[in-house]
């Protein structure tokens, strides 16, 4: 959880400038006169950082202090920055065309079997693939 006290303890020459507002020496450019502005947003609890001397931002200050950038934000606003699997999007007409083709395969196979015919092993394998494709199409539609 964001705790401005933890951040301020790692900084030098901290001075309070108002409610949730502080200045300190910037750890990025190792100054002697405070020019780093630190503000705790009272509505969100987020901690905002900007150095008016060197232009450093929260990322650079956190790196210089050896702290995690996520520590500047309350637990309730933390975002998972891990990369999500890429979601594929298909044109609805392409999906319908695939469904038409695959259901036609099933109908033809059913007609062959209804007439007492036999399916070749490659036809059975293709029907298994058809089942997989149809299940994936259903899953895709359900996720939308």
N, C-alpha and C. Protein backbone atom coordinates (compact mmCIF):
# COMPACT_ATOMS: atom_id res chain seq x y z
N UNK A 1 0.84 -1.18 0.00
CA UNK A 1 0.00 0.00 0.00
C UNK A 1 0.88 1.24 0.00
N UNK A 2 0.45 2.28 -0.67
CA UNK A 2 1.21 3.53 -0.73
C UNK A 2 1.34 4.10 0.68
N UNK A 3 2.56 4.42 1.05
CA UNK A 3 2.81 5.03 2.34
C UNK A 3 3.85 6.11 2.13
N UNK A 4 3.39 7.34 2.16
CA UNK A 4 4.29 8.45 1.88
C UNK A 4 5.43 8.53 2.91
N UNK A 5 5.17 8.07 4.13
CA UNK A 5 6.20 8.07 5.16
C UNK A 5 7.40 7.22 4.78
N UNK A 6 7.14 6.05 4.17
CA UNK A 6 8.24 5.18 3.73
C UNK A 6 9.09 5.87 2.69
N UNK A 7 8.47 6.60 1.76
CA UNK A 7 9.20 7.31 0.73
C UNK A 7 9.99 8.47 1.34
N UNK A 8 9.35 9.25 2.17
CA UNK A 8 10.01 10.42 2.76
C UNK A 8 11.21 10.03 3.61
N UNK A 9 11.15 8.87 4.26
CA UNK A 9 12.27 8.41 5.08
C UNK A 9 13.51 8.11 4.25
N UNK A 10 13.34 7.85 2.96
CA UNK A 10 14.47 7.54 2.09
C UNK A 10 15.07 8.80 1.44
N UNK A 11 14.42 9.93 1.61
CA UNK A 11 14.86 11.18 0.98
C UNK A 11 15.61 12.07 1.98
N UNK A 12 16.33 13.05 1.46
CA UNK A 12 17.10 13.98 2.30
C UNK A 12 16.49 15.37 2.27
N UNK A 13 16.61 16.06 3.40
CA UNK A 13 16.15 17.44 3.56
C UNK A 13 14.68 17.62 3.20
N UNK A 14 13.86 16.74 3.73
CA UNK A 14 12.42 16.78 3.45
C UNK A 14 11.79 17.94 4.23
N UNK A 15 10.95 18.72 3.52
CA UNK A 15 10.22 19.83 4.14
C UNK A 15 8.75 19.72 3.72
N UNK A 16 7.88 19.86 4.70
CA UNK A 16 6.44 19.84 4.42
C UNK A 16 6.04 21.21 3.88
N UNK A 17 5.26 21.22 2.78
CA UNK A 17 4.83 22.46 2.15
C UNK A 17 3.32 22.67 2.20
N UNK A 18 2.62 21.73 2.75
CA UNK A 18 1.17 21.81 2.83
C UNK A 18 0.61 20.42 3.05
N UNK A 19 -0.70 20.28 2.96
CA UNK A 19 -1.34 18.98 3.16
C UNK A 19 -0.95 18.06 2.02
N UNK A 20 -0.20 17.01 2.36
CA UNK A 20 0.21 16.03 1.35
C UNK A 20 1.26 16.54 0.37
N UNK A 21 1.89 17.69 0.68
CA UNK A 21 2.88 18.27 -0.24
C UNK A 21 4.23 18.43 0.47
N UNK A 22 5.29 17.97 -0.21
CA UNK A 22 6.63 18.01 0.36
C UNK A 22 7.64 18.37 -0.73
N UNK A 23 8.81 18.83 -0.29
CA UNK A 23 9.97 18.99 -1.18
C UNK A 23 11.13 18.30 -0.48
N UNK A 24 12.08 17.83 -1.30
CA UNK A 24 13.29 17.21 -0.76
C UNK A 24 14.38 17.31 -1.81
N UNK A 25 15.57 16.88 -1.43
CA UNK A 25 16.66 16.80 -2.39
C UNK A 25 16.40 15.63 -3.33
N UNK A 26 16.70 15.82 -4.58
CA UNK A 26 16.47 14.80 -5.58
C UNK A 26 17.59 13.75 -5.54
N UNK A 27 17.23 12.48 -5.41
CA UNK A 27 18.25 11.43 -5.39
C UNK A 27 18.82 11.12 -6.77
N UNK A 28 18.18 11.64 -7.81
CA UNK A 28 18.65 11.36 -9.17
C UNK A 28 19.89 12.19 -9.49
N UNK A 29 19.86 13.49 -9.16
CA UNK A 29 21.02 14.31 -9.49
C UNK A 29 21.78 14.80 -8.26
N UNK A 30 21.52 14.19 -7.11
CA UNK A 30 22.30 14.41 -5.88
C UNK A 30 22.54 15.88 -5.56
N UNK A 31 21.46 16.63 -5.48
CA UNK A 31 21.55 18.06 -5.22
C UNK A 31 21.68 18.39 -3.74
N UNK A 32 21.94 19.63 -3.43
CA UNK A 32 22.04 20.08 -2.04
C UNK A 32 20.85 20.95 -1.63
N UNK A 33 20.15 21.50 -2.63
CA UNK A 33 18.99 22.34 -2.37
C UNK A 33 17.74 21.61 -2.86
N UNK A 34 16.72 21.42 -2.02
CA UNK A 34 15.53 20.66 -2.42
C UNK A 34 14.83 21.22 -3.66
N UNK A 35 14.63 20.37 -4.65
CA UNK A 35 13.85 20.75 -5.83
C UNK A 35 12.92 19.61 -6.26
N UNK A 36 12.87 18.55 -5.47
CA UNK A 36 12.01 17.41 -5.78
C UNK A 36 10.65 17.63 -5.12
N UNK A 37 9.62 17.71 -5.93
CA UNK A 37 8.26 17.87 -5.41
C UNK A 37 7.60 16.52 -5.22
N UNK A 38 7.01 16.32 -4.05
CA UNK A 38 6.30 15.08 -3.75
C UNK A 38 4.90 15.47 -3.30
N UNK A 39 3.89 14.89 -3.94
CA UNK A 39 2.51 15.20 -3.59
C UNK A 39 1.74 13.90 -3.42
N UNK A 40 1.03 13.80 -2.31
CA UNK A 40 0.13 12.67 -2.10
C UNK A 40 -1.27 13.13 -2.45
N UNK A 41 -1.83 12.58 -3.52
CA UNK A 41 -3.17 12.94 -3.94
C UNK A 41 -4.15 12.52 -2.85
N UNK A 42 -4.87 13.46 -2.30
CA UNK A 42 -5.75 13.20 -1.16
C UNK A 42 -6.96 12.35 -1.52
N UNK A 43 -7.37 12.36 -2.78
CA UNK A 43 -8.55 11.57 -3.16
C UNK A 43 -8.20 10.13 -3.52
N UNK A 44 -7.02 9.90 -4.10
CA UNK A 44 -6.66 8.55 -4.54
C UNK A 44 -5.58 7.90 -3.69
N UNK A 45 -4.77 8.72 -3.01
CA UNK A 45 -3.65 8.18 -2.25
C UNK A 45 -2.41 7.97 -3.09
N UNK A 46 -2.50 8.24 -4.40
CA UNK A 46 -1.33 8.11 -5.27
C UNK A 46 -0.27 9.12 -4.88
N UNK A 47 0.99 8.74 -5.01
CA UNK A 47 2.09 9.65 -4.71
C UNK A 47 2.70 10.09 -6.03
N UNK A 48 2.71 11.40 -6.26
CA UNK A 48 3.21 11.98 -7.49
C UNK A 48 4.56 12.63 -7.21
N UNK A 49 5.52 12.44 -8.12
CA UNK A 49 6.88 12.94 -7.92
C UNK A 49 7.36 13.65 -9.18
N UNK A 50 8.00 14.82 -8.98
CA UNK A 50 8.64 15.52 -10.11
C UNK A 50 9.78 16.38 -9.57
N UNK A 51 10.93 16.30 -10.23
CA UNK A 51 12.06 17.14 -9.84
C UNK A 51 12.07 18.37 -10.74
N UNK A 52 12.00 19.52 -10.13
CA UNK A 52 12.01 20.77 -10.89
C UNK A 52 13.44 21.21 -11.23
N UNK A 53 14.43 20.45 -10.73
CA UNK A 53 15.82 20.75 -11.06
C UNK A 53 16.29 20.00 -12.30
N UNK A 54 16.10 18.68 -12.30
CA UNK A 54 16.60 17.86 -13.42
C UNK A 54 15.49 17.28 -14.27
N UNK A 55 14.23 17.42 -13.83
CA UNK A 55 13.10 16.89 -14.61
C UNK A 55 12.79 15.43 -14.34
N UNK A 56 13.45 14.84 -13.34
CA UNK A 56 13.21 13.42 -13.04
C UNK A 56 11.75 13.19 -12.66
N UNK A 57 11.26 12.01 -13.03
CA UNK A 57 9.88 11.64 -12.69
C UNK A 57 9.87 10.52 -11.66
N UNK A 58 8.71 10.02 -11.34
CA UNK A 58 8.57 8.97 -10.33
C UNK A 58 9.36 7.72 -10.63
N UNK A 59 9.41 7.33 -11.90
CA UNK A 59 10.15 6.12 -12.29
C UNK A 59 11.62 6.30 -11.96
N UNK A 60 12.19 7.43 -12.38
CA UNK A 60 13.62 7.68 -12.17
C UNK A 60 13.95 7.82 -10.68
N UNK A 61 13.09 8.47 -9.92
CA UNK A 61 13.33 8.62 -8.49
C UNK A 61 13.26 7.26 -7.79
N UNK A 62 12.27 6.45 -8.14
CA UNK A 62 12.15 5.12 -7.55
C UNK A 62 13.39 4.28 -7.85
N UNK A 63 13.88 4.36 -9.08
CA UNK A 63 15.09 3.62 -9.43
C UNK A 63 16.27 4.10 -8.59
N UNK A 64 16.41 5.41 -8.43
CA UNK A 64 17.53 5.97 -7.66
C UNK A 64 17.45 5.55 -6.19
N UNK A 65 16.23 5.40 -5.66
CA UNK A 65 16.05 5.02 -4.26
C UNK A 65 16.03 3.51 -4.06
N UNK A 66 15.91 2.77 -5.17
CA UNK A 66 15.83 1.31 -5.06
C UNK A 66 14.50 0.82 -4.54
N UNK A 67 13.44 1.54 -4.88
CA UNK A 67 12.09 1.11 -4.46
C UNK A 67 11.25 0.80 -5.68
N UNK A 68 10.19 0.07 -5.46
CA UNK A 68 9.29 -0.34 -6.54
C UNK A 68 8.33 0.80 -6.87
N UNK A 69 8.15 1.07 -8.15
CA UNK A 69 7.23 2.12 -8.58
C UNK A 69 5.82 1.88 -8.03
N UNK A 70 5.44 0.63 -7.88
CA UNK A 70 4.10 0.29 -7.38
C UNK A 70 3.88 0.81 -5.96
N UNK A 71 4.98 1.08 -5.23
CA UNK A 71 4.85 1.60 -3.87
C UNK A 71 4.28 3.02 -3.83
N UNK A 72 4.20 3.68 -4.98
CA UNK A 72 3.65 5.03 -5.04
C UNK A 72 2.13 5.04 -5.17
N UNK A 73 1.54 3.85 -5.25
CA UNK A 73 0.09 3.76 -5.47
C UNK A 73 -0.54 2.86 -4.42
N UNK A 74 -1.73 3.21 -3.93
CA UNK A 74 -2.42 2.36 -2.95
C UNK A 74 -2.72 1.00 -3.56
N UNK A 75 -2.84 0.01 -2.71
CA UNK A 75 -3.09 -1.37 -3.15
C UNK A 75 -4.32 -1.43 -4.06
N UNK A 76 -5.36 -0.65 -3.76
CA UNK A 76 -6.61 -0.72 -4.53
C UNK A 76 -6.45 -0.21 -5.95
N UNK A 77 -5.40 0.58 -6.24
CA UNK A 77 -5.24 1.10 -7.60
C UNK A 77 -4.09 0.45 -8.34
N UNK A 78 -3.41 -0.52 -7.70
CA UNK A 78 -2.29 -1.17 -8.37
C UNK A 78 -2.79 -1.95 -9.57
N UNK A 79 -2.03 -1.90 -10.63
CA UNK A 79 -2.38 -2.56 -11.88
C UNK A 79 -1.37 -3.67 -12.13
N UNK A 80 -1.84 -4.79 -12.61
CA UNK A 80 -0.95 -5.88 -12.97
C UNK A 80 -0.36 -5.56 -14.35
N UNK A 81 0.95 -5.31 -14.36
CA UNK A 81 1.60 -4.93 -15.61
C UNK A 81 2.18 -6.11 -16.36
N UNK A 82 1.89 -7.33 -15.93
CA UNK A 82 2.39 -8.49 -16.66
C UNK A 82 1.66 -8.56 -17.99
N UNK A 83 2.38 -8.98 -18.99
CA UNK A 83 1.81 -9.01 -20.34
C UNK A 83 0.75 -10.09 -20.44
N UNK A 84 -0.40 -9.71 -20.91
CA UNK A 84 -1.50 -10.64 -21.11
C UNK A 84 -1.35 -11.29 -22.49
N UNK A 85 -1.84 -12.53 -22.61
CA UNK A 85 -1.78 -13.14 -23.94
C UNK A 85 -2.56 -12.29 -24.94
N UNK A 86 -2.01 -12.20 -26.12
CA UNK A 86 -2.66 -11.37 -27.15
C UNK A 86 -3.98 -12.02 -27.56
N UNK A 87 -5.02 -11.23 -27.60
CA UNK A 87 -6.35 -11.72 -27.99
C UNK A 87 -6.54 -11.49 -29.47
N UNK A 88 -6.94 -12.53 -30.15
CA UNK A 88 -7.16 -12.43 -31.58
C UNK A 88 -8.60 -11.97 -31.84
N UNK A 89 -8.75 -11.17 -32.86
CA UNK A 89 -10.08 -10.72 -33.27
C UNK A 89 -10.31 -11.14 -34.71
N UNK A 90 -11.49 -11.66 -34.95
CA UNK A 90 -11.82 -12.14 -36.27
C UNK A 90 -13.02 -11.38 -36.81
N UNK A 91 -13.06 -11.25 -38.10
CA UNK A 91 -14.19 -10.66 -38.78
C UNK A 91 -15.37 -11.63 -38.63
N UNK A 92 -16.53 -11.17 -38.19
CA UNK A 92 -17.67 -12.07 -38.00
C UNK A 92 -18.03 -12.87 -39.25
N UNK A 93 -17.89 -12.27 -40.42
CA UNK A 93 -18.24 -13.02 -41.64
C UNK A 93 -17.26 -14.17 -41.87
N UNK A 94 -15.98 -14.00 -41.49
CA UNK A 94 -15.01 -15.08 -41.61
C UNK A 94 -15.35 -16.23 -40.67
N UNK A 95 -15.80 -15.88 -39.46
CA UNK A 95 -16.18 -16.91 -38.49
C UNK A 95 -17.40 -17.68 -39.01
N UNK A 96 -18.38 -16.96 -39.56
CA UNK A 96 -19.56 -17.63 -40.10
C UNK A 96 -19.20 -18.52 -41.29
N UNK A 97 -18.29 -18.08 -42.12
CA UNK A 97 -17.85 -18.89 -43.27
C UNK A 97 -17.18 -20.17 -42.79
N UNK A 98 -16.35 -20.06 -41.76
CA UNK A 98 -15.70 -21.25 -41.19
C UNK A 98 -16.75 -22.20 -40.62
N UNK A 99 -17.71 -21.65 -39.88
CA UNK A 99 -18.77 -22.49 -39.32
C UNK A 99 -19.56 -23.20 -40.40
N UNK A 100 -19.84 -22.51 -41.48
CA UNK A 100 -20.57 -23.10 -42.60
C UNK A 100 -19.78 -24.26 -43.20
N UNK A 101 -18.50 -24.04 -43.44
CA UNK A 101 -17.65 -25.06 -44.04
C UNK A 101 -17.56 -26.29 -43.13
N UNK A 102 -17.32 -26.07 -41.86
CA UNK A 102 -17.14 -27.19 -40.93
C UNK A 102 -18.44 -27.95 -40.70
N UNK A 103 -19.57 -27.26 -40.62
CA UNK A 103 -20.85 -27.97 -40.44
C UNK A 103 -21.20 -28.75 -41.71
N UNK A 104 -20.81 -28.24 -42.86
CA UNK A 104 -21.02 -28.97 -44.11
C UNK A 104 -20.24 -30.29 -44.08
N UNK A 105 -19.01 -30.26 -43.57
CA UNK A 105 -18.21 -31.49 -43.44
C UNK A 105 -18.95 -32.51 -42.56
N UNK A 106 -19.51 -32.04 -41.45
CA UNK A 106 -20.22 -32.93 -40.54
C UNK A 106 -21.45 -33.52 -41.23
N UNK A 107 -22.19 -32.70 -41.96
CA UNK A 107 -23.40 -33.16 -42.66
C UNK A 107 -23.05 -34.22 -43.71
N UNK A 108 -21.99 -33.97 -44.48
CA UNK A 108 -21.58 -34.94 -45.52
C UNK A 108 -21.19 -36.26 -44.86
N UNK A 109 -20.42 -36.20 -43.77
CA UNK A 109 -20.02 -37.43 -43.07
C UNK A 109 -21.25 -38.16 -42.54
N UNK A 110 -22.22 -37.41 -41.99
CA UNK A 110 -23.44 -38.03 -41.46
C UNK A 110 -24.23 -38.70 -42.57
N UNK A 111 -24.30 -38.08 -43.75
CA UNK A 111 -25.03 -38.67 -44.89
C UNK A 111 -24.36 -39.97 -45.35
N UNK A 112 -23.02 -39.97 -45.38
CA UNK A 112 -22.29 -41.19 -45.78
C UNK A 112 -22.61 -42.33 -44.81
N UNK A 113 -22.55 -42.02 -43.51
CA UNK A 113 -22.82 -43.04 -42.50
C UNK A 113 -24.28 -43.48 -42.53
N UNK A 114 -25.22 -42.54 -42.79
CA UNK A 114 -26.65 -42.87 -42.84
C UNK A 114 -26.96 -43.81 -44.00
N UNK A 115 -26.18 -43.73 -45.07
CA UNK A 115 -26.39 -44.59 -46.24
C UNK A 115 -25.63 -45.91 -46.10
N UNK A 116 -25.05 -46.15 -44.90
CA UNK A 116 -24.34 -47.40 -44.68
C UNK A 116 -22.90 -47.36 -45.11
N UNK A 117 -22.41 -46.21 -45.49
CA UNK A 117 -21.01 -46.08 -45.92
C UNK A 117 -20.06 -46.07 -44.73
N UNK A 118 -18.79 -46.04 -45.08
CA UNK A 118 -17.75 -46.06 -44.06
C UNK A 118 -16.83 -44.87 -44.29
N UNK A 119 -16.36 -44.27 -43.19
CA UNK A 119 -15.43 -43.14 -43.29
C UNK A 119 -14.00 -43.66 -43.24
N UNK A 120 -13.16 -43.07 -44.06
CA UNK A 120 -11.74 -43.41 -44.07
C UNK A 120 -11.08 -42.80 -42.83
N UNK A 121 -9.93 -43.36 -42.39
CA UNK A 121 -9.25 -42.81 -41.21
C UNK A 121 -8.94 -41.31 -41.34
N UNK A 122 -8.54 -40.87 -42.54
CA UNK A 122 -8.26 -39.43 -42.70
C UNK A 122 -9.53 -38.59 -42.57
N UNK A 123 -10.68 -39.15 -42.96
CA UNK A 123 -11.95 -38.44 -42.79
C UNK A 123 -12.31 -38.33 -41.30
N UNK A 124 -12.05 -39.40 -40.56
CA UNK A 124 -12.33 -39.40 -39.11
C UNK A 124 -11.42 -38.37 -38.43
N UNK A 125 -10.14 -38.34 -38.83
CA UNK A 125 -9.21 -37.35 -38.26
C UNK A 125 -9.66 -35.93 -38.58
N UNK A 126 -10.16 -35.73 -39.80
CA UNK A 126 -10.61 -34.39 -40.20
C UNK A 126 -11.84 -33.98 -39.41
N UNK A 127 -12.73 -34.93 -39.11
CA UNK A 127 -13.90 -34.63 -38.29
C UNK A 127 -13.48 -34.28 -36.86
N UNK A 128 -12.43 -34.92 -36.37
CA UNK A 128 -11.93 -34.58 -35.03
C UNK A 128 -11.42 -33.14 -35.03
N UNK A 129 -10.75 -32.74 -36.13
CA UNK A 129 -10.28 -31.36 -36.25
C UNK A 129 -11.47 -30.41 -36.35
N UNK A 130 -12.51 -30.83 -37.05
CA UNK A 130 -13.71 -30.01 -37.16
C UNK A 130 -14.31 -29.77 -35.78
N UNK A 131 -14.35 -30.82 -34.97
CA UNK A 131 -14.88 -30.66 -33.61
C UNK A 131 -14.05 -29.63 -32.84
N UNK A 132 -12.73 -29.73 -32.94
CA UNK A 132 -11.85 -28.78 -32.24
C UNK A 132 -12.09 -27.35 -32.73
N UNK A 133 -12.18 -27.17 -34.03
CA UNK A 133 -12.42 -25.83 -34.59
C UNK A 133 -13.75 -25.25 -34.13
N UNK A 134 -14.79 -26.09 -34.11
CA UNK A 134 -16.10 -25.63 -33.68
C UNK A 134 -16.10 -25.26 -32.19
N UNK A 135 -15.40 -26.04 -31.37
CA UNK A 135 -15.31 -25.74 -29.95
C UNK A 135 -14.53 -24.45 -29.71
N UNK A 136 -13.46 -24.23 -30.49
CA UNK A 136 -12.69 -22.99 -30.36
C UNK A 136 -13.52 -21.78 -30.80
N UNK A 137 -14.31 -21.95 -31.86
CA UNK A 137 -15.18 -20.86 -32.31
C UNK A 137 -16.21 -20.52 -31.24
N UNK A 138 -16.78 -21.55 -30.61
CA UNK A 138 -17.74 -21.32 -29.54
C UNK A 138 -17.08 -20.60 -28.36
N UNK A 139 -15.89 -21.02 -28.00
CA UNK A 139 -15.16 -20.38 -26.91
C UNK A 139 -14.87 -18.92 -27.24
N UNK A 140 -14.49 -18.66 -28.48
CA UNK A 140 -14.19 -17.29 -28.92
C UNK A 140 -15.43 -16.41 -28.77
N UNK A 141 -16.57 -16.91 -29.20
CA UNK A 141 -17.82 -16.15 -29.14
C UNK A 141 -18.22 -15.91 -27.69
N UNK A 142 -18.02 -16.91 -26.82
CA UNK A 142 -18.40 -16.76 -25.41
C UNK A 142 -17.53 -15.74 -24.68
N UNK A 143 -16.27 -15.55 -25.13
CA UNK A 143 -15.36 -14.60 -24.48
C UNK A 143 -15.67 -13.16 -24.85
N UNK A 144 -16.40 -12.94 -25.88
CA UNK A 144 -16.68 -11.57 -26.34
C UNK A 144 -17.76 -10.94 -25.57
